[in-house]
Amino acid sequence: PSVAEAAAILAAAKKGGLEAELLVPKNIFRLSGLPGVVTVAVAEEL
């Protein structure tokens, strides 16, 4: 059910073996003239 949010959380938690906090929930981007759709989320290693 999630790629961007779940991947950010897992990576941040795994990096330090600690918990992580989702700082920015997913944002979806499309821009005229550039192919594709991108979803971005940010998590912080606690």
All heavy atoms as atom14 arrays in JSON, in Angstrom:
{
  "sequence": "PSVAEAAAILAAAKKGGLEAELLVPKNIFRLSGLPGVVTVAVAEEL",
  "atom14_mask": [
    [1, 1, 1, 1, 1, 1, 1, 0, 0, 0, 0, 0, 0, 0],
    [1, 1, 1, 1, 1, 1, 0, 0, 0, 0, 0, 0, 0, 0],
    [1, 1, 1, 1, 1, 1, 1, 0, 0, 0, 0, 0, 0, 0],
    [1, 1, 1, 1, 1, 0, 0, 0, 0, 0, 0, 0, 0, 0],
    [1, 1, 1, 1, 1, 1, 1, 1, 1, 0, 0, 0, 0, 0],
    [1, 1, 1, 1, 1, 0, 0, 0, 0, 0, 0, 0, 0, 0],
    [1, 1, 1, 1, 1, 0, 0, 0, 0, 0, 0, 0, 0, 0],
    [1, 1, 1, 1, 1, 0, 0, 0, 0, 0, 0, 0, 0, 0],
    [1, 1, 1, 1, 1, 1, 1, 1, 0, 0, 0, 0, 0, 0],
    [1, 1, 1, 1, 1, 1, 1, 1, 0, 0, 0, 0, 0, 0],
    [1, 1, 1, 1, 1, 0, 0, 0, 0, 0, 0, 0, 0, 0],
    [1, 1, 1, 1, 1, 0, 0, 0, 0, 0, 0, 0, 0, 0],
    [1, 1, 1, 1, 1, 0, 0, 0, 0, 0, 0, 0, 0, 0],
    [1, 1, 1, 1, 1, 1, 1, 1, 1, 0, 0, 0, 0, 0],
    [1, 1, 1, 1, 1, 1, 1, 1, 1, 0, 0, 0, 0, 0],
    [1, 1, 1, 1, 0, 0, 0, 0, 0, 0, 0, 0, 0, 0],
    [1, 1, 1, 1, 0, 0, 0, 0, 0, 0, 0, 0, 0, 0],
    [1, 1, 1, 1, 1, 1, 1, 1, 0, 0, 0, 0, 0, 0],
    [1, 1, 1, 1, 1, 1, 1, 1, 1, 0, 0, 0, 0, 0],
    [1, 1, 1, 1, 1, 0, 0, 0, 0, 0, 0, 0, 0, 0],
    [1, 1, 1, 1, 1, 1, 1, 1, 1, 0, 0, 0, 0, 0],
    [1, 1, 1, 1, 1, 1, 1, 1, 0, 0, 0, 0, 0, 0],
    [1, 1, 1, 1, 1, 1, 1, 1, 0, 0, 0, 0, 0, 0],
    [1, 1, 1, 1, 1, 1, 1, 0, 0, 0, 0, 0, 0, 0],
    [1, 1, 1, 1, 1, 1, 1, 0, 0, 0, 0, 0, 0, 0],
    [1, 1, 1, 1, 1, 1, 1, 1, 1, 0, 0, 0, 0, 0],
    [1, 1, 1, 1, 1, 1, 1, 1, 0, 0, 0, 0, 0, 0],
    [1, 1, 1, 1, 1, 1, 1, 1, 0, 0, 0, 0, 0, 0],
    [1, 1, 1, 1, 1, 1, 1, 1, 1, 1, 1, 0, 0, 0],
    [1, 1, 1, 1, 1, 1, 1, 1, 1, 1, 1, 0, 0, 0],
    [1, 1, 1, 1, 1, 1, 1, 1, 0, 0, 0, 0, 0, 0],
    [1, 1, 1, 1, 1, 1, 0, 0, 0, 0, 0, 0, 0, 0],
    [1, 1, 1, 1, 0, 0, 0, 0, 0, 0, 0, 0, 0, 0],
    [1, 1, 1, 1, 1, 1, 1, 1, 0, 0, 0, 0, 0, 0],
    [1, 1, 1, 1, 1, 1, 1, 0, 0, 0, 0, 0, 0, 0],
    [1, 1, 1, 1, 0, 0, 0, 0, 0, 0, 0, 0, 0, 0],
    [1, 1, 1, 1, 1, 1, 1, 0, 0, 0, 0, 0, 0, 0],
    [1, 1, 1, 1, 1, 1, 1, 0, 0, 0, 0, 0, 0, 0],
    [1, 1, 1, 1, 1, 1, 1, 0, 0, 0, 0, 0, 0, 0],
    [1, 1, 1, 1, 1, 1, 1, 0, 0, 0, 0, 0, 0, 0],
    [1, 1, 1, 1, 1, 0, 0, 0, 0, 0, 0, 0, 0, 0],
    [1, 1, 1, 1, 1, 1, 1, 0, 0, 0, 0, 0, 0, 0],
    [1, 1, 1, 1, 1, 0, 0, 0, 0, 0, 0, 0, 0, 0],
    [1, 1, 1, 1, 1, 1, 1, 1, 1, 0, 0, 0, 0, 0],
    [1, 1, 1, 1, 1, 1, 1, 1, 1, 0, 0, 0, 0, 0],
    [1, 1, 1, 1, 1, 1, 1, 1, 0, 0, 0, 0, 0, 0]
  ],
  "atom14_positions": [
    [[0.79, -1.23, 0.0], [0.0, 0.0, 0.0], [0.83, 1.29, 0.0], [0.28, 2.37, -0.16], [-0.84, -0.1, 1.27], [-0.2, -1.13, 2.11], [0.6, -2.01, 1.21], [0.0, 0.0, 0.0], [0.0, 0.0, 0.0], [0.0, 0.0, 0.0], [0.0, 0.0, 0.0], [0.0, 0.0, 0.0], [0.0, 0.0, 0.0], [0.0, 0.0, 0.0]],
    [[2.13, 1.17, 0.17], [2.99, 2.36, 0.18], [4.38, 2.0, -0.3], [4.94, 0.98, 0.11], [3.09, 2.92, 1.61], [4.07, 3.94, 1.67], [0.0, 0.0, 0.0], [0.0, 0.0, 0.0], [0.0, 0.0, 0.0], [0.0, 0.0, 0.0], [0.0, 0.0, 0.0], [0.0, 0.0, 0.0], [0.0, 0.0, 0.0], [0.0, 0.0, 0.0]],
    [[4.93, 2.87, -1.13], [6.33, 2.75, -1.51], [7.12, 3.88, -0.86], [8.01, 3.65, -0.05], [6.53, 2.73, -3.04], [8.01, 2.78, -3.39], [5.9, 1.47, -3.64], [0.0, 0.0, 0.0], [0.0, 0.0, 0.0], [0.0, 0.0, 0.0], [0.0, 0.0, 0.0], [0.0, 0.0, 0.0], [0.0, 0.0, 0.0], [0.0, 0.0, 0.0]],
    [[6.79, 5.13, -1.19], [7.59, 6.27, -0.73], [7.64, 6.37, 0.79], [8.72, 6.44, 1.38], [7.08, 7.56, -1.34], [0.0, 0.0, 0.0], [0.0, 0.0, 0.0], [0.0, 0.0, 0.0], [0.0, 0.0, 0.0], [0.0, 0.0, 0.0], [0.0, 0.0, 0.0], [0.0, 0.0, 0.0], [0.0, 0.0, 0.0], [0.0, 0.0, 0.0]],
    [[6.48, 6.41, 1.44], [6.46, 6.57, 2.9], [7.09, 5.37, 3.6], [7.94, 5.52, 4.48], [5.03, 6.77, 3.4], [4.44, 8.1, 2.99], [2.99, 8.29, 3.37], [2.25, 7.27, 3.5], [2.57, 9.44, 3.55], [0.0, 0.0, 0.0], [0.0, 0.0, 0.0], [0.0, 0.0, 0.0], [0.0, 0.0, 0.0], [0.0, 0.0, 0.0]],
    [[6.69, 4.16, 3.21], [7.21, 2.96, 3.87], [8.71, 2.8, 3.65], [9.46, 2.45, 4.58], [6.47, 1.72, 3.36], [0.0, 0.0, 0.0], [0.0, 0.0, 0.0], [0.0, 0.0, 0.0], [0.0, 0.0, 0.0], [0.0, 0.0, 0.0], [0.0, 0.0, 0.0], [0.0, 0.0, 0.0], [0.0, 0.0, 0.0], [0.0, 0.0, 0.0]],
    [[9.19, 3.07, 2.44], [10.63, 2.93, 2.16], [11.45, 3.94, 2.95], [12.51, 3.61, 3.5], [10.89, 3.09, 0.66], [0.0, 0.0, 0.0], [0.0, 0.0, 0.0], [0.0, 0.0, 0.0], [0.0, 0.0, 0.0], [0.0, 0.0, 0.0], [0.0, 0.0, 0.0], [0.0, 0.0, 0.0], [0.0, 0.0, 0.0], [0.0, 0.0, 0.0]],
    [[10.96, 5.17, 3.05], [11.67, 6.2, 3.82], [11.78, 5.78, 5.29], [12.85, 5.88, 5.89], [10.96, 7.55, 3.7], [0.0, 0.0, 0.0], [0.0, 0.0, 0.0], [0.0, 0.0, 0.0], [0.0, 0.0, 0.0], [0.0, 0.0, 0.0], [0.0, 0.0, 0.0], [0.0, 0.0, 0.0], [0.0, 0.0, 0.0], [0.0, 0.0, 0.0]],
    [[10.69, 5.31, 5.85], [10.68, 4.89, 7.26], [11.62, 3.71, 7.48], [12.43, 3.72, 8.42], [9.24, 4.54, 7.71], [8.38, 5.81, 7.75], [9.25, 3.84, 9.07], [6.88, 5.54, 7.88], [0.0, 0.0, 0.0], [0.0, 0.0, 0.0], [0.0, 0.0, 0.0], [0.0, 0.0, 0.0], [0.0, 0.0, 0.0], [0.0, 0.0, 0.0]],
    [[11.53, 2.7, 6.64], [12.4, 1.52, 6.78], [13.88, 1.88, 6.66], [14.7, 1.42, 7.45], [12.06, 0.47, 5.73], [10.89, -0.44, 6.05], [10.51, -1.27, 4.82], [11.22, -1.35, 7.22], [0.0, 0.0, 0.0], [0.0, 0.0, 0.0], [0.0, 0.0, 0.0], [0.0, 0.0, 0.0], [0.0, 0.0, 0.0], [0.0, 0.0, 0.0]],
    [[14.21, 2.7, 5.69], [15.62, 3.07, 5.49], [16.15, 3.87, 6.67], [17.26, 3.63, 7.14], [15.79, 3.85, 4.2], [0.0, 0.0, 0.0], [0.0, 0.0, 0.0], [0.0, 0.0, 0.0], [0.0, 0.0, 0.0], [0.0, 0.0, 0.0], [0.0, 0.0, 0.0], [0.0, 0.0, 0.0], [0.0, 0.0, 0.0], [0.0, 0.0, 0.0]],
    [[15.37, 4.82, 7.17], [15.82, 5.65, 8.29], [15.96, 4.81, 9.56], [16.9, 5.01, 10.33], [14.85, 6.8, 8.51], [0.0, 0.0, 0.0], [0.0, 0.0, 0.0], [0.0, 0.0, 0.0], [0.0, 0.0, 0.0], [0.0, 0.0, 0.0], [0.0, 0.0, 0.0], [0.0, 0.0, 0.0], [0.0, 0.0, 0.0], [0.0, 0.0, 0.0]],
    [[15.07, 3.88, 9.77], [15.15, 3.03, 10.95], [16.32, 2.05, 10.84], [17.03, 1.81, 11.81], [13.84, 2.25, 11.13], [0.0, 0.0, 0.0], [0.0, 0.0, 0.0], [0.0, 0.0, 0.0], [0.0, 0.0, 0.0], [0.0, 0.0, 0.0], [0.0, 0.0, 0.0], [0.0, 0.0, 0.0], [0.0, 0.0, 0.0], [0.0, 0.0, 0.0]],
    [[16.54, 1.53, 9.67], [17.59, 0.53, 9.47], [18.98, 1.14, 9.56], [19.91, 0.52, 10.05], [17.42, -0.14, 8.1], [18.4, -1.25, 7.87], [18.11, -1.98, 6.59], [19.15, -3.05, 6.39], [18.79, -4.01, 5.4], [0.0, 0.0, 0.0], [0.0, 0.0, 0.0], [0.0, 0.0, 0.0], [0.0, 0.0, 0.0], [0.0, 0.0, 0.0]],
    [[19.13, 2.38, 9.09], [20.46, 3.0, 9.06], [21.12, 2.98, 10.43], [22.27, 2.64, 10.56], [20.35, 4.44, 8.55], [21.7, 5.13, 8.48], [21.58, 6.52, 7.91], [22.93, 7.17, 7.83], [23.17, 8.14, 8.88], [0.0, 0.0, 0.0], [0.0, 0.0, 0.0], [0.0, 0.0, 0.0], [0.0, 0.0, 0.0], [0.0, 0.0, 0.0]],
    [[20.37, 3.34, 11.45], [20.95, 3.37, 12.78], [20.45, 2.26, 13.68], [20.79, 2.21, 14.85], [0.0, 0.0, 0.0], [0.0, 0.0, 0.0], [0.0, 0.0, 0.0], [0.0, 0.0, 0.0], [0.0, 0.0, 0.0], [0.0, 0.0, 0.0], [0.0, 0.0, 0.0], [0.0, 0.0, 0.0], [0.0, 0.0, 0.0], [0.0, 0.0, 0.0]],
    [[19.62, 1.37, 13.13], [19.05, 0.32, 13.94], [18.07, 0.87, 14.96], [17.8, 0.25, 15.97], [0.0, 0.0, 0.0], [0.0, 0.0, 0.0], [0.0, 0.0, 0.0], [0.0, 0.0, 0.0], [0.0, 0.0, 0.0], [0.0, 0.0, 0.0], [0.0, 0.0, 0.0], [0.0, 0.0, 0.0], [0.0, 0.0, 0.0], [0.0, 0.0, 0.0]],
    [[17.57, 2.06, 14.69], [16.69, 2.75, 15.64], [15.32, 2.96, 15.01], [15.04, 2.49, 13.93], [17.3, 4.11, 16.01], [18.74, 4.06, 16.5], [19.31, 5.46, 16.56], [18.8, 3.4, 17.87], [0.0, 0.0, 0.0], [0.0, 0.0, 0.0], [0.0, 0.0, 0.0], [0.0, 0.0, 0.0], [0.0, 0.0, 0.0], [0.0, 0.0, 0.0]],
    [[14.51, 3.74, 15.69], [13.22, 4.1, 15.14], [13.39, 5.3, 14.21], [14.4, 5.99, 14.24], [12.25, 4.44, 16.27], [11.88, 3.24, 17.09], [10.81, 3.55, 18.11], [10.03, 4.49, 17.9], [10.75, 2.84, 19.11], [0.0, 0.0, 0.0], [0.0, 0.0, 0.0], [0.0, 0.0, 0.0], [0.0, 0.0, 0.0], [0.0, 0.0, 0.0]],
    [[12.35, 5.53, 13.42], [12.38, 6.65, 12.48], [11.06, 7.4, 12.57], [10.04, 6.85, 12.98], [12.59, 6.13, 11.07], [0.0, 0.0, 0.0], [0.0, 0.0, 0.0], [0.0, 0.0, 0.0], [0.0, 0.0, 0.0], [0.0, 0.0, 0.0], [0.0, 0.0, 0.0], [0.0, 0.0, 0.0], [0.0, 0.0, 0.0], [0.0, 0.0, 0.0]],
    [[11.13, 8.66, 12.17], [9.93, 9.5, 12.15], [9.68, 9.97, 10.72], [10.6, 10.46, 10.06], [10.11, 10.7, 13.06], [8.94, 11.66, 13.04], [9.18, 12.9, 13.88], [10.26, 13.03, 14.5], [8.29, 13.75, 13.9], [0.0, 0.0, 0.0], [0.0, 0.0, 0.0], [0.0, 0.0, 0.0], [0.0, 0.0, 0.0], [0.0, 0.0, 0.0]],
    [[8.45, 9.82, 10.27], [8.08, 10.34, 8.97], [7.92, 11.85, 9.11], [6.98, 12.33, 9.74], [6.78, 9.69, 8.47], [6.36, 10.05, 7.06], [7.36, 9.54, 6.03], [4.97, 9.5, 6.77], [0.0, 0.0, 0.0], [0.0, 0.0, 0.0], [0.0, 0.0, 0.0], [0.0, 0.0, 0.0], [0.0, 0.0, 0.0], [0.0, 0.0, 0.0]],
    [[8.84, 12.61, 8.56], [8.8, 14.07, 8.64], [7.87, 14.68, 7.61], [7.18, 15.66, 7.89], [10.19, 14.67, 8.42], [11.26, 14.41, 9.45], [12.56, 15.07, 9.02], [10.83, 14.9, 10.81], [0.0, 0.0, 0.0], [0.0, 0.0, 0.0], [0.0, 0.0, 0.0], [0.0, 0.0, 0.0], [0.0, 0.0, 0.0], [0.0, 0.0, 0.0]],
    [[7.89, 14.11, 6.41], [7.09, 14.64, 5.31], [6.33, 13.47, 4.68], [6.95, 12.57, 4.12], [7.97, 15.32, 4.24], [7.11, 15.88, 3.11], [8.84, 16.4, 4.86], [0.0, 0.0, 0.0], [0.0, 0.0, 0.0], [0.0, 0.0, 0.0], [0.0, 0.0, 0.0], [0.0, 0.0, 0.0], [0.0, 0.0, 0.0], [0.0, 0.0, 0.0]],
    [[5.0, 13.48, 4.79], [4.23, 12.43, 4.11], [4.34, 12.58, 2.6], [4.85, 13.59, 2.1], [2.8, 12.65, 4.6], [2.76, 14.03, 5.12], [4.17, 14.43, 5.49], [0.0, 0.0, 0.0], [0.0, 0.0, 0.0], [0.0, 0.0, 0.0], [0.0, 0.0, 0.0], [0.0, 0.0, 0.0], [0.0, 0.0, 0.0], [0.0, 0.0, 0.0]],
    [[3.83, 11.6, 1.9], [4.03, 11.59, 0.45], [3.47, 12.82, -0.25], [2.43, 13.35, 0.11], [3.45, 10.32, -0.17], [1.94, 10.25, -0.19], [1.51, 8.94, -0.83], [-0.01, 8.84, -0.93], [-0.43, 7.57, -1.51], [0.0, 0.0, 0.0], [0.0, 0.0, 0.0], [0.0, 0.0, 0.0], [0.0, 0.0, 0.0], [0.0, 0.0, 0.0]],
    [[4.22, 13.28, -1.23], [3.86, 14.36, -2.13], [3.97, 13.8, -3.54], [4.97, 13.16, -3.86], [4.84, 15.53, -2.01], [4.68, 16.31, -0.73], [4.12, 17.38, -0.73], [5.17, 15.78, 0.39], [0.0, 0.0, 0.0], [0.0, 0.0, 0.0], [0.0, 0.0, 0.0], [0.0, 0.0, 0.0], [0.0, 0.0, 0.0], [0.0, 0.0, 0.0]],
    [[2.97, 14.05, -4.37], [2.96, 13.52, -5.73], [3.26, 14.65, -6.71], [2.67, 15.73, -6.63], [1.6, 12.87, -6.05], [1.33, 11.72, -5.05], [1.57, 12.34, -7.48], [-0.07, 11.17, -5.1], [0.0, 0.0, 0.0], [0.0, 0.0, 0.0], [0.0, 0.0, 0.0], [0.0, 0.0, 0.0], [0.0, 0.0, 0.0], [0.0, 0.0, 0.0]],
    [[4.19, 14.38, -7.65], [4.65, 15.4, -8.6], [4.47, 14.95, -10.04], [4.81, 13.83, -10.4], [6.14, 15.7, -8.39], [6.42, 16.4, -7.12], [6.6, 15.69, -5.95], [6.48, 17.79, -7.07], [6.85, 16.33, -4.75], [6.73, 18.44, -5.88], [6.91, 17.71, -4.71], [0.0, 0.0, 0.0], [0.0, 0.0, 0.0], [0.0, 0.0, 0.0]],
    [[3.96, 15.88, -10.85], [3.91, 15.77, -12.3], [4.31, 17.14, -12.83], [3.86, 18.15, -12.3], [2.5, 15.46, -12.79], [1.96, 14.12, -12.42], [0.49, 14.0, -12.86], [-0.09, 12.75, -12.43], [-0.62, 12.53, -11.23], [-0.67, 13.5, -10.35], [-1.12, 11.36, -10.93], [0.0, 0.0, 0.0], [0.0, 0.0, 0.0], [0.0, 0.0, 0.0]],
    [[5.13, 17.18, -13.86], [5.5, 18.46, -14.45], [5.33, 18.4, -15.96], [5.78, 17.44, -16.6], [6.95, 18.82, -14.14], [7.25, 19.26, -12.71], [8.74, 19.49, -12.53], [6.48, 20.52, -12.34], [0.0, 0.0, 0.0], [0.0, 0.0, 0.0], [0.0, 0.0, 0.0], [0.0, 0.0, 0.0], [0.0, 0.0, 0.0], [0.0, 0.0, 0.0]],
    [[4.72, 19.42, -16.5], [4.56, 19.51, -17.95], [5.93, 19.49, -18.61], [6.84, 20.19, -18.18], [3.82, 20.8, -18.28], [3.69, 20.93, -19.67], [0.0, 0.0, 0.0], [0.0, 0.0, 0.0], [0.0, 0.0, 0.0], [0.0, 0.0, 0.0], [0.0, 0.0, 0.0], [0.0, 0.0, 0.0], [0.0, 0.0, 0.0], [0.0, 0.0, 0.0]],
    [[6.07, 18.68, -19.63], [7.33, 18.62, -20.37], [8.29, 17.55, -19.89], [9.28, 17.28, -20.56], [0.0, 0.0, 0.0], [0.0, 0.0, 0.0], [0.0, 0.0, 0.0], [0.0, 0.0, 0.0], [0.0, 0.0, 0.0], [0.0, 0.0, 0.0], [0.0, 0.0, 0.0], [0.0, 0.0, 0.0], [0.0, 0.0, 0.0], [0.0, 0.0, 0.0]],
    [[8.02, 16.97, -18.71], [8.88, 15.89, -18.21], [8.05, 14.63, -18.03], [6.99, 14.68, -17.41], [9.51, 16.27, -16.87], [10.58, 17.35, -16.9], [11.03, 17.7, -15.49], [11.77, 16.91, -17.73], [0.0, 0.0, 0.0], [0.0, 0.0, 0.0], [0.0, 0.0, 0.0], [0.0, 0.0, 0.0], [0.0, 0.0, 0.0], [0.0, 0.0, 0.0]],
    [[8.52, 13.51, -18.57], [7.73, 12.29, -18.47], [7.71, 11.74, -17.05], [8.68, 11.85, -16.31], [8.45, 11.32, -19.41], [9.85, 11.82, -19.5], [9.77, 13.31, -19.32], [0.0, 0.0, 0.0], [0.0, 0.0, 0.0], [0.0, 0.0, 0.0], [0.0, 0.0, 0.0], [0.0, 0.0, 0.0], [0.0, 0.0, 0.0], [0.0, 0.0, 0.0]],
    [[6.55, 11.16, -16.69], [6.46, 10.42, -15.44], [5.69, 11.1, -14.33], [5.23, 12.23, -14.45], [0.0, 0.0, 0.0], [0.0, 0.0, 0.0], [0.0, 0.0, 0.0], [0.0, 0.0, 0.0], [0.0, 0.0, 0.0], [0.0, 0.0, 0.0], [0.0, 0.0, 0.0], [0.0, 0.0, 0.0], [0.0, 0.0, 0.0], [0.0, 0.0, 0.0]],
    [[5.58, 10.35, -13.25], [4.95, 10.8, -12.0], [5.86, 10.31, -10.88], [6.32, 9.17, -10.88], [3.55, 10.19, -11.83], [2.95, 10.58, -10.49], [2.64, 10.6, -12.97], [0.0, 0.0, 0.0], [0.0, 0.0, 0.0], [0.0, 0.0, 0.0], [0.0, 0.0, 0.0], [0.0, 0.0, 0.0], [0.0, 0.0, 0.0], [0.0, 0.0, 0.0]],
    [[6.12, 11.17, -9.9], [7.02, 10.85, -8.79], [6.32, 11.14, -7.47], [5.67, 12.16, -7.32], [8.33, 11.67, -8.87], [9.23, 11.4, -7.67], [9.07, 11.38, -10.16], [0.0, 0.0, 0.0], [0.0, 0.0, 0.0], [0.0, 0.0, 0.0], [0.0, 0.0, 0.0], [0.0, 0.0, 0.0], [0.0, 0.0, 0.0], [0.0, 0.0, 0.0]],
    [[6.49, 10.23, -6.52], [5.99, 10.42, -5.16], [7.19, 10.45, -4.23], [8.07, 9.59, -4.32], [5.04, 9.29, -4.75], [3.97, 9.23, -5.69], [4.47, 9.52, -3.36], [0.0, 0.0, 0.0], [0.0, 0.0, 0.0], [0.0, 0.0, 0.0], [0.0, 0.0, 0.0], [0.0, 0.0, 0.0], [0.0, 0.0, 0.0], [0.0, 0.0, 0.0]],
    [[7.23, 11.46, -3.34], [8.36, 11.65, -2.44], [7.87, 11.77, -1.0], [6.87, 12.45, -0.74], [9.15, 12.93, -2.81], [10.23, 13.23, -1.8], [9.73, 12.82, -4.2], [0.0, 0.0, 0.0], [0.0, 0.0, 0.0], [0.0, 0.0, 0.0], [0.0, 0.0, 0.0], [0.0, 0.0, 0.0], [0.0, 0.0, 0.0], [0.0, 0.0, 0.0]],
    [[8.56, 11.1, -0.08], [8.32, 11.23, 1.36], [9.69, 11.29, 2.04], [10.68, 10.8, 1.49], [7.51, 10.05, 1.89], [0.0, 0.0, 0.0], [0.0, 0.0, 0.0], [0.0, 0.0, 0.0], [0.0, 0.0, 0.0], [0.0, 0.0, 0.0], [0.0, 0.0, 0.0], [0.0, 0.0, 0.0], [0.0, 0.0, 0.0], [0.0, 0.0, 0.0]],
    [[9.74, 11.86, 3.25], [11.02, 12.0, 3.95], [10.87, 11.49, 5.38], [9.94, 11.87, 6.08], [11.49, 13.47, 3.97], [12.84, 13.6, 4.7], [11.59, 14.03, 2.57], [0.0, 0.0, 0.0], [0.0, 0.0, 0.0], [0.0, 0.0, 0.0], [0.0, 0.0, 0.0], [0.0, 0.0, 0.0], [0.0, 0.0, 0.0], [0.0, 0.0, 0.0]],
    [[11.83, 10.67, 5.8], [11.87, 10.18, 7.17], [13.24, 10.49, 7.79], [14.25, 10.56, 7.08], [11.61, 8.68, 7.24], [0.0, 0.0, 0.0], [0.0, 0.0, 0.0], [0.0, 0.0, 0.0], [0.0, 0.0, 0.0], [0.0, 0.0, 0.0], [0.0, 0.0, 0.0], [0.0, 0.0, 0.0], [0.0, 0.0, 0.0], [0.0, 0.0, 0.0]],
    [[13.23, 10.66, 9.11], [14.46, 10.99, 9.83], [14.83, 9.86, 10.78], [13.98, 9.33, 11.48], [14.23, 12.28, 10.64], [15.43, 12.7, 11.46], [15.18, 13.97, 12.24], [14.02, 14.29, 12.54], [16.16, 14.65, 12.56], [0.0, 0.0, 0.0], [0.0, 0.0, 0.0], [0.0, 0.0, 0.0], [0.0, 0.0, 0.0], [0.0, 0.0, 0.0]],
    [[16.11, 9.57, 10.81], [16.64, 8.63, 11.78], [16.56, 9.3, 13.16], [17.05, 10.41, 13.33], [18.09, 8.31, 11.45], [18.79, 7.49, 12.5], [20.28, 7.38, 12.24], [20.73, 7.65, 11.12], [20.99, 7.03, 13.19], [0.0, 0.0, 0.0], [0.0, 0.0, 0.0], [0.0, 0.0, 0.0], [0.0, 0.0, 0.0], [0.0, 0.0, 0.0]],
    [[15.93, 8.65, 14.12], [15.82, 9.21, 15.45], [17.0, 8.78, 16.31], [17.4, 7.61, 16.29], [14.52, 8.77, 16.13], [13.24, 9.25, 15.46], [12.03, 8.71, 16.21], [13.2, 10.76, 15.4], [0.0, 0.0, 0.0], [0.0, 0.0, 0.0], [0.0, 0.0, 0.0], [0.0, 0.0, 0.0], [0.0, 0.0, 0.0], [0.0, 0.0, 0.0]]
  ]
}
